[in-house]
Each structure stands twice: as structure tokens, then as C-alpha cells.
Amino acid sequence: MENRSFYNEILTEHNIHPEFKHDIPDADIELAGVNPSCGDNIVLKLKTDGDVITDGGFVGDGCAISQASADIMLGMIVGQKKEKALEMGRTFLRMIHGEATEEEIESLEEASALKDIAHMPARVKCAMLGWRPPPADADAVSAGGFLHAGNPRFDSVRLWDYDKTSS
């Protein structure tokens, strides 16, 4: 995956033909995220069975990077245990901040197409939106956030801790 045009093809494909951009009306977990600096918005929806993410989707609008990143992320975590998904999120966050090893970047498979975002600070929030939607306000912090791994403020708050039926 050394070729920049290959990265662009991956992002373009996930943006034009996203596999996971669809509503899941009976999702167990739902969280909205907005990037106020550009207007991107994503609502992540997951179905779980115990500690396994069994299905996922997202709805919303935004730039090619935010949409492709969310689609890639869902492709990686559906079928995985929650702890594995968290580890992927921690690795993705390290990659986006330019701190991941080459081995860690390779473990992210298609998500590694976003590694150059580390050199584009204005686009980091776009790439991270699907992985860790920021709370819309301070009260939303208690509702959760997807892969807020690496941020001590959010380590104990995960999307799957938020069950929309119990609020």
C-alpha cells in the first residue's frame, strides 16, 4: 500500500459506494457526531449481541474523508468483539496523530489509506468523526462516544455503554 493513488482509490470507493451507509432502525446503540468546523455529521448505529458488534451502519452527510472513514471503520468492527474494536480505535488514533508504527498502520488494512491525514491538521477531525464523534454538548459526554480511546476523559465512556432504550 505504498502507492498514493491506491489510497485515493480506496477513499473514493468507500465514498461513492459505501457498504455501511444505511439506517439501522432497531440499532441497540446510536450516537450522533458533528464536526462544527465543516458541518460534517454522522449518526453511528450498531447492533450488538453480548460483547460482539453484529451489525453497523451510519447516516449523515459530509466530506469524502469523513464518509469514507466511517464506512471503512464499520467494515473493520462489524463481527468483532468490542475490545478488539477499541484496540483498532486506539491504533487509528495513533496513526492519525503520526504516532503509530508501520506494523500498527498495516494492521488497520484499508483504514491505513488515511495515514497521510496526520500531515493535514484541518482534516483530522473529518477522519476521526466516524471513529469518535464528539459530543454535541457537555451533557452528551455522559451519553458516550465511539472510540474515544487514548483520551483519559473518555476512557470509561464508550458508545456501547449508551443504550438508547434506557435513557
Foldseek 3Di string as FASTA:
>chain_A
DPDLVVLVVLLVCCQVPQPAADDDVPFQFWDKFADVVFGWIKIKGFHDDVQATAGIHIYTDDDSQLRSLLSLLRVVRHGHGLVVSLVLLVLLVCLLCVNHDPVSLVVSPSSVSCSCNNVVVVCSCSNCCNQWGDAPDPVCLQQATDRPPPDVSRPVGHRSVHGPVVD
